[in-house]
Amino acid sequence: MDSMKKRATVRAYSQQDISPELLDELLEIACRSSNTGNMQAYSIVVSRDPERKKALAACHFNQPQVVNAPVVLTFCADFNRFSKWCAQRNAQAGFNNVQALTYASIDAVIVAQTFCVAAEEKGLGICYLGTTTYLAKEIIELLELPPLVFPVTTVSVGYPLEPPKQCERLPQEAVVHSETYRDYTPADIDRLHLAKEQLPENRHFVEINHKENLAQVFAEIRYTKKDNEHFSDTLLRAVKKQGFC
């Protein structure tokens, strides 16, 4: 438990490869995860080939860990396989909808997190790429995903080049609610974000971006309304193209 409290994201990897045996073991562990109805409505695309990873990096805004990691895993919601099984057994399938995409996506993330925990226990480092759904159409084409398969999240994995530094987290009070959701007062917001805002690296972040505070950096530079609306539009088009609505 103590080791899990010390975990941190790893973006820089050594040149040590991950053995096929270890990777297979970690994938086996991941696929023992809980999932909706025991349908296992997910698939995992393993990328090791340097050229493939280079092409994949372009779909993740050229984040260097995609190229530098020995293995990159794309976790997908997948009702292609299950629907074909139903068709071959004369069963009427109805998984071409948002509800099916939702719980298949949840299952894919559960599998991804189980993989990550197991990998870290073996001394590996991982990094989630939150960019998977931004350019989903391009990832779908690159990985040749058929209808009813949708990329949900991506994880780079490898042996850490050096001990990673933990990022800050909000206090537990900020995210845990007892019995019902307790909304935040202005005083709560100030108190819960104070330590985060006062960190030297975050104060520097504000300064170099010429903003008044950290919230402005997040909302007006990193995750703008314009970008969110643009990628929402492209995401919905990709979802429709893959047959989920």
Protein backbone atom coordinates (compact mmCIF):
# COMPACT_ATOMS: atom_id res chain seq x y z
CA MET A 1 0.00 0.00 0.00
CA ASP A 2 2.84 2.41 0.80
CA SER A 3 4.32 1.92 -2.66
CA MET A 4 0.99 2.84 -4.25
CA LYS A 5 0.93 6.09 -2.28
CA LYS A 6 4.31 6.94 -3.78
CA ARG A 7 3.41 6.24 -7.40
CA ALA A 8 4.12 8.82 -10.08
CA THR A 9 3.72 9.12 -13.83
CA VAL A 10 6.79 8.15 -15.88
CA ARG A 11 7.43 9.89 -19.20
CA ALA A 12 11.15 9.13 -19.65
CA TYR A 13 12.20 5.51 -20.17
CA SER A 14 15.48 3.63 -20.29
CA GLN A 15 16.39 1.59 -23.36
CA GLN A 16 15.70 -1.66 -21.52
CA ASP A 17 13.04 -3.62 -23.36
CA ILE A 18 10.05 -5.34 -21.78
CA SER A 19 10.26 -9.08 -22.32
CA PRO A 20 7.37 -10.72 -24.18
CA GLU A 21 6.87 -13.02 -21.19
CA LEU A 22 6.45 -10.12 -18.76
CA LEU A 23 4.15 -8.22 -21.09
CA ASP A 24 1.99 -11.31 -21.59
CA GLU A 25 1.79 -11.81 -17.82
CA LEU A 26 0.71 -8.21 -17.28
CA LEU A 27 -1.91 -8.46 -20.01
CA GLU A 28 -3.23 -11.68 -18.50
CA ILE A 29 -3.56 -9.96 -15.13
CA ALA A 30 -5.29 -6.97 -16.75
CA CYS A 31 -7.82 -9.20 -18.48
CA ARG A 32 -8.87 -10.65 -15.13
CA SER A 33 -10.42 -7.25 -14.33
CA SER A 34 -14.07 -6.85 -13.50
CA ASN A 35 -16.20 -5.96 -16.49
CA THR A 36 -19.83 -5.51 -17.48
CA GLY A 37 -21.67 -8.82 -17.71
CA ASN A 38 -18.39 -10.67 -18.25
CA MET A 39 -18.61 -9.70 -21.91
CA GLN A 40 -15.04 -8.35 -22.01
CA ALA A 41 -16.14 -5.71 -24.48
CA TYR A 42 -12.65 -4.30 -24.90
CA SER A 43 -9.52 -4.88 -26.96
CA ILE A 44 -5.89 -3.87 -26.41
CA VAL A 45 -3.67 -2.94 -29.34
CA VAL A 46 0.03 -3.41 -28.53
CA SER A 47 2.48 -1.17 -30.40
CA ARG A 48 6.19 -2.07 -30.35
CA ASP A 49 7.32 -1.29 -33.90
CA PRO A 50 9.29 2.02 -33.97
CA GLU A 51 7.64 3.24 -37.16
CA ARG A 52 4.19 2.43 -35.85
CA LYS A 53 4.93 4.26 -32.60
CA LYS A 54 6.22 7.24 -34.56
CA ALA A 55 3.00 7.38 -36.52
CA LEU A 56 1.00 6.91 -33.34
CA ALA A 57 2.89 9.78 -31.68
CA ALA A 58 1.54 12.12 -34.34
CA CYS A 59 -1.94 11.20 -33.12
CA HIS A 60 -0.93 12.25 -29.61
CA PHE A 61 0.47 15.68 -30.50
CA ASN A 62 3.98 14.17 -30.73
CA GLN A 63 4.38 13.49 -27.03
CA PRO A 64 7.89 11.98 -26.79
CA GLN A 65 6.96 9.11 -24.47
CA VAL A 66 5.02 7.47 -27.31
CA VAL A 67 8.23 7.03 -29.28
CA ASN A 68 10.58 6.51 -26.35
CA ALA A 69 8.58 3.85 -24.52
CA PRO A 70 9.31 0.25 -25.57
CA VAL A 71 5.58 -0.52 -25.54
CA VAL A 72 2.49 1.57 -26.16
CA LEU A 73 -0.96 0.14 -25.47
CA THR A 74 -4.21 1.46 -26.90
CA PHE A 75 -7.23 0.31 -24.90
CA CYS A 76 -10.41 0.19 -26.94
CA ALA A 77 -14.10 -0.27 -26.33
CA ASP A 78 -14.92 -3.25 -28.55
CA PHE A 79 -18.35 -4.58 -29.44
CA ASN A 80 -17.19 -5.83 -32.85
CA ARG A 81 -16.06 -9.20 -31.52
CA PHE A 82 -19.09 -9.70 -29.25
CA SER A 83 -21.56 -8.70 -31.96
CA LYS A 84 -19.98 -11.13 -34.43
CA TRP A 85 -20.24 -13.90 -31.84
CA CYS A 86 -23.93 -13.08 -31.40
CA ALA A 87 -24.51 -13.12 -35.16
CA GLN A 88 -22.83 -16.51 -35.52
CA ARG A 89 -25.05 -17.89 -32.73
CA ASN A 90 -28.30 -16.46 -34.13
CA ALA A 91 -28.55 -13.97 -31.25
CA GLN A 92 -29.97 -10.50 -31.86
CA ALA A 93 -27.26 -8.02 -30.84
CA GLY A 94 -28.03 -4.41 -29.95
CA PHE A 95 -24.72 -2.80 -29.08
CA ASN A 96 -24.53 -0.09 -31.74
CA ASN A 97 -25.49 2.70 -29.33
CA VAL A 98 -24.11 5.16 -26.80
CA GLN A 99 -25.05 3.02 -23.80
CA ALA A 100 -22.94 0.11 -25.08
CA LEU A 101 -20.06 2.45 -25.89
CA THR A 102 -20.27 3.87 -22.37
CA TYR A 103 -19.94 0.65 -20.45
CA ALA A 104 -17.41 -0.80 -22.89
CA SER A 105 -15.33 2.36 -22.40
CA ILE A 106 -15.56 2.03 -18.62
CA ASP A 107 -14.45 -1.60 -18.87
CA ALA A 108 -11.51 -0.63 -21.12
CA VAL A 109 -10.33 1.91 -18.54
CA ILE A 110 -10.67 -0.62 -15.71
CA VAL A 111 -8.49 -3.03 -17.67
CA ALA A 112 -5.99 -0.26 -18.38
CA GLN A 113 -5.71 0.66 -14.72
CA THR A 114 -5.29 -2.98 -13.65
CA PHE A 115 -2.48 -3.29 -16.19
CA CYS A 116 -0.83 -0.14 -14.84
CA VAL A 117 -0.95 -1.27 -11.22
CA ALA A 118 0.51 -4.65 -12.15
CA ALA A 119 3.21 -3.02 -14.29
CA GLU A 120 4.28 -0.71 -11.48
CA GLU A 121 4.50 -3.66 -9.10
CA LYS A 122 7.03 -5.15 -11.53
CA GLY A 123 9.18 -2.02 -11.49
CA LEU A 124 7.85 -0.51 -14.70
CA GLY A 125 6.64 3.04 -15.15
CA ILE A 126 3.51 4.13 -16.97
CA CYS A 127 2.00 7.24 -18.46
CA TYR A 128 -1.63 7.67 -19.45
CA LEU A 129 -2.12 9.74 -22.60
CA GLY A 130 -5.24 11.81 -22.29
CA THR A 131 -5.11 12.65 -25.98
CA THR A 132 -6.60 9.40 -27.33
CA THR A 133 -10.07 10.77 -27.94
CA TYR A 134 -8.81 14.08 -29.33
CA LEU A 135 -7.67 12.50 -32.61
CA ALA A 136 -9.70 9.32 -32.41
CA LYS A 137 -10.37 9.26 -36.17
CA GLU A 138 -6.64 9.21 -36.95
CA ILE A 139 -5.97 6.48 -34.37
CA ILE A 140 -8.83 4.41 -35.75
CA GLU A 141 -7.31 4.60 -39.23
CA LEU A 142 -3.76 3.91 -38.08
CA LEU A 143 -4.70 0.89 -35.96
CA GLU A 144 -7.25 -0.30 -38.54
CA LEU A 145 -10.07 -0.46 -36.01
CA PRO A 146 -13.29 -1.85 -37.53
CA PRO A 147 -16.80 -0.59 -36.77
CA LEU A 148 -17.89 -0.94 -33.13
CA VAL A 149 -14.30 -0.55 -31.92
CA PHE A 150 -13.29 2.79 -30.41
CA PRO A 151 -10.00 3.95 -28.82
CA VAL A 152 -10.56 5.10 -25.25
CA THR A 153 -7.18 5.56 -23.61
CA THR A 154 -3.50 4.96 -24.30
CA VAL A 155 -0.69 3.95 -21.94
CA SER A 156 3.06 4.12 -22.54
CA VAL A 157 5.06 1.68 -20.43
CA GLY A 158 8.75 1.00 -19.83
CA TYR A 159 11.51 0.99 -17.24
CA PRO A 160 11.98 4.47 -15.74
CA LEU A 161 15.06 6.36 -16.84
CA GLU A 162 15.20 7.98 -13.40
CA PRO A 163 12.99 8.12 -10.29
CA PRO A 164 9.93 10.17 -11.24
CA LYS A 165 8.65 13.13 -9.27
CA GLN A 166 5.14 12.98 -7.90
CA CYS A 167 2.65 15.60 -9.04
CA GLU A 168 0.59 17.36 -6.43
CA ARG A 169 -2.94 16.25 -5.64
CA LEU A 170 -5.85 18.10 -4.09
CA PRO A 171 -6.66 17.12 -0.51
CA GLN A 172 -8.98 14.14 -0.17
CA GLU A 173 -11.74 16.42 1.08
CA ALA A 174 -11.87 17.98 -2.38
CA VAL A 175 -12.95 14.80 -4.13
CA VAL A 176 -14.60 12.52 -1.53
CA HIS A 177 -18.24 13.08 -0.54
CA SER A 178 -20.08 11.22 2.24
CA GLU A 179 -23.51 9.83 1.36
CA THR A 180 -24.51 12.75 -0.88
CA TYR A 181 -22.65 15.33 -2.94
CA ARG A 182 -21.76 18.37 -0.87
CA ASP A 183 -21.34 21.37 -3.12
CA TYR A 184 -18.47 23.80 -2.63
CA THR A 185 -18.70 27.27 -1.16
CA PRO A 186 -16.35 30.00 -2.41
CA ALA A 187 -14.38 29.55 0.81
CA ASP A 188 -14.09 25.80 0.12
CA ILE A 189 -12.73 26.47 -3.37
CA ASP A 190 -10.11 28.87 -2.04
CA ARG A 191 -9.04 26.53 0.77
CA LEU A 192 -8.92 23.32 -1.29
CA HIS A 193 -6.86 24.87 -4.11
CA LEU A 194 -4.56 27.00 -1.99
CA ALA A 195 -1.65 24.54 -1.70
CA LYS A 196 -1.80 23.75 -5.43
CA GLU A 197 -1.78 27.41 -6.37
CA GLN A 198 1.13 28.23 -4.07
CA LEU A 199 3.51 25.59 -5.40
CA PRO A 200 6.56 27.30 -6.92
CA GLU A 201 6.27 25.34 -10.18
CA ASN A 202 2.62 26.35 -10.57
CA ARG A 203 3.35 29.98 -9.75
CA HIS A 204 6.06 29.85 -12.44
CA PHE A 205 3.54 28.26 -14.81
CA VAL A 206 1.25 31.26 -14.29
CA GLU A 207 4.09 33.72 -14.79
CA ILE A 208 5.42 32.31 -18.05
CA ASN A 209 1.90 32.17 -19.49
CA HIS A 210 1.26 35.79 -18.54
CA LYS A 211 -1.91 35.02 -16.62
CA GLU A 212 -3.31 36.16 -13.29
CA ASN A 213 -3.76 32.71 -11.76
CA LEU A 214 -3.56 28.97 -12.34
CA ALA A 215 -7.23 28.58 -13.20
CA GLN A 216 -6.77 30.94 -16.13
CA VAL A 217 -3.86 28.85 -17.41
CA PHE A 218 -5.99 25.70 -17.39
CA ALA A 219 -9.18 27.24 -18.78
CA GLU A 220 -7.78 29.80 -21.21
CA ILE A 221 -4.57 28.17 -22.49
CA ARG A 222 -4.39 24.42 -21.83
CA TYR A 223 -8.03 23.38 -22.22
CA THR A 224 -9.82 26.19 -23.98
CA LYS A 225 -13.52 26.26 -24.75
CA LYS A 226 -12.69 26.53 -28.45
CA ASP A 227 -10.52 23.40 -28.35
CA ASN A 228 -13.04 21.48 -26.25
CA GLU A 229 -15.83 22.29 -28.68
CA HIS A 230 -13.67 21.40 -31.69
CA PHE A 231 -12.59 18.05 -30.28
CA SER A 232 -16.13 17.34 -29.08
CA ASP A 233 -17.27 17.70 -32.67
CA THR A 234 -14.53 15.46 -34.07
CA LEU A 235 -15.16 12.90 -31.30
CA LEU A 236 -18.87 12.69 -32.09
CA ARG A 237 -18.13 12.26 -35.79
CA ALA A 238 -15.70 9.43 -35.02
CA VAL A 239 -18.23 7.76 -32.70
CA LYS A 240 -20.85 7.88 -35.47
CA LYS A 241 -18.38 6.57 -38.04
CA GLN A 242 -17.66 3.56 -35.84
CA GLY A 243 -21.38 2.79 -35.64
CA PHE A 244 -22.17 3.65 -32.03
CA CYS A 245 -24.89 6.17 -32.83
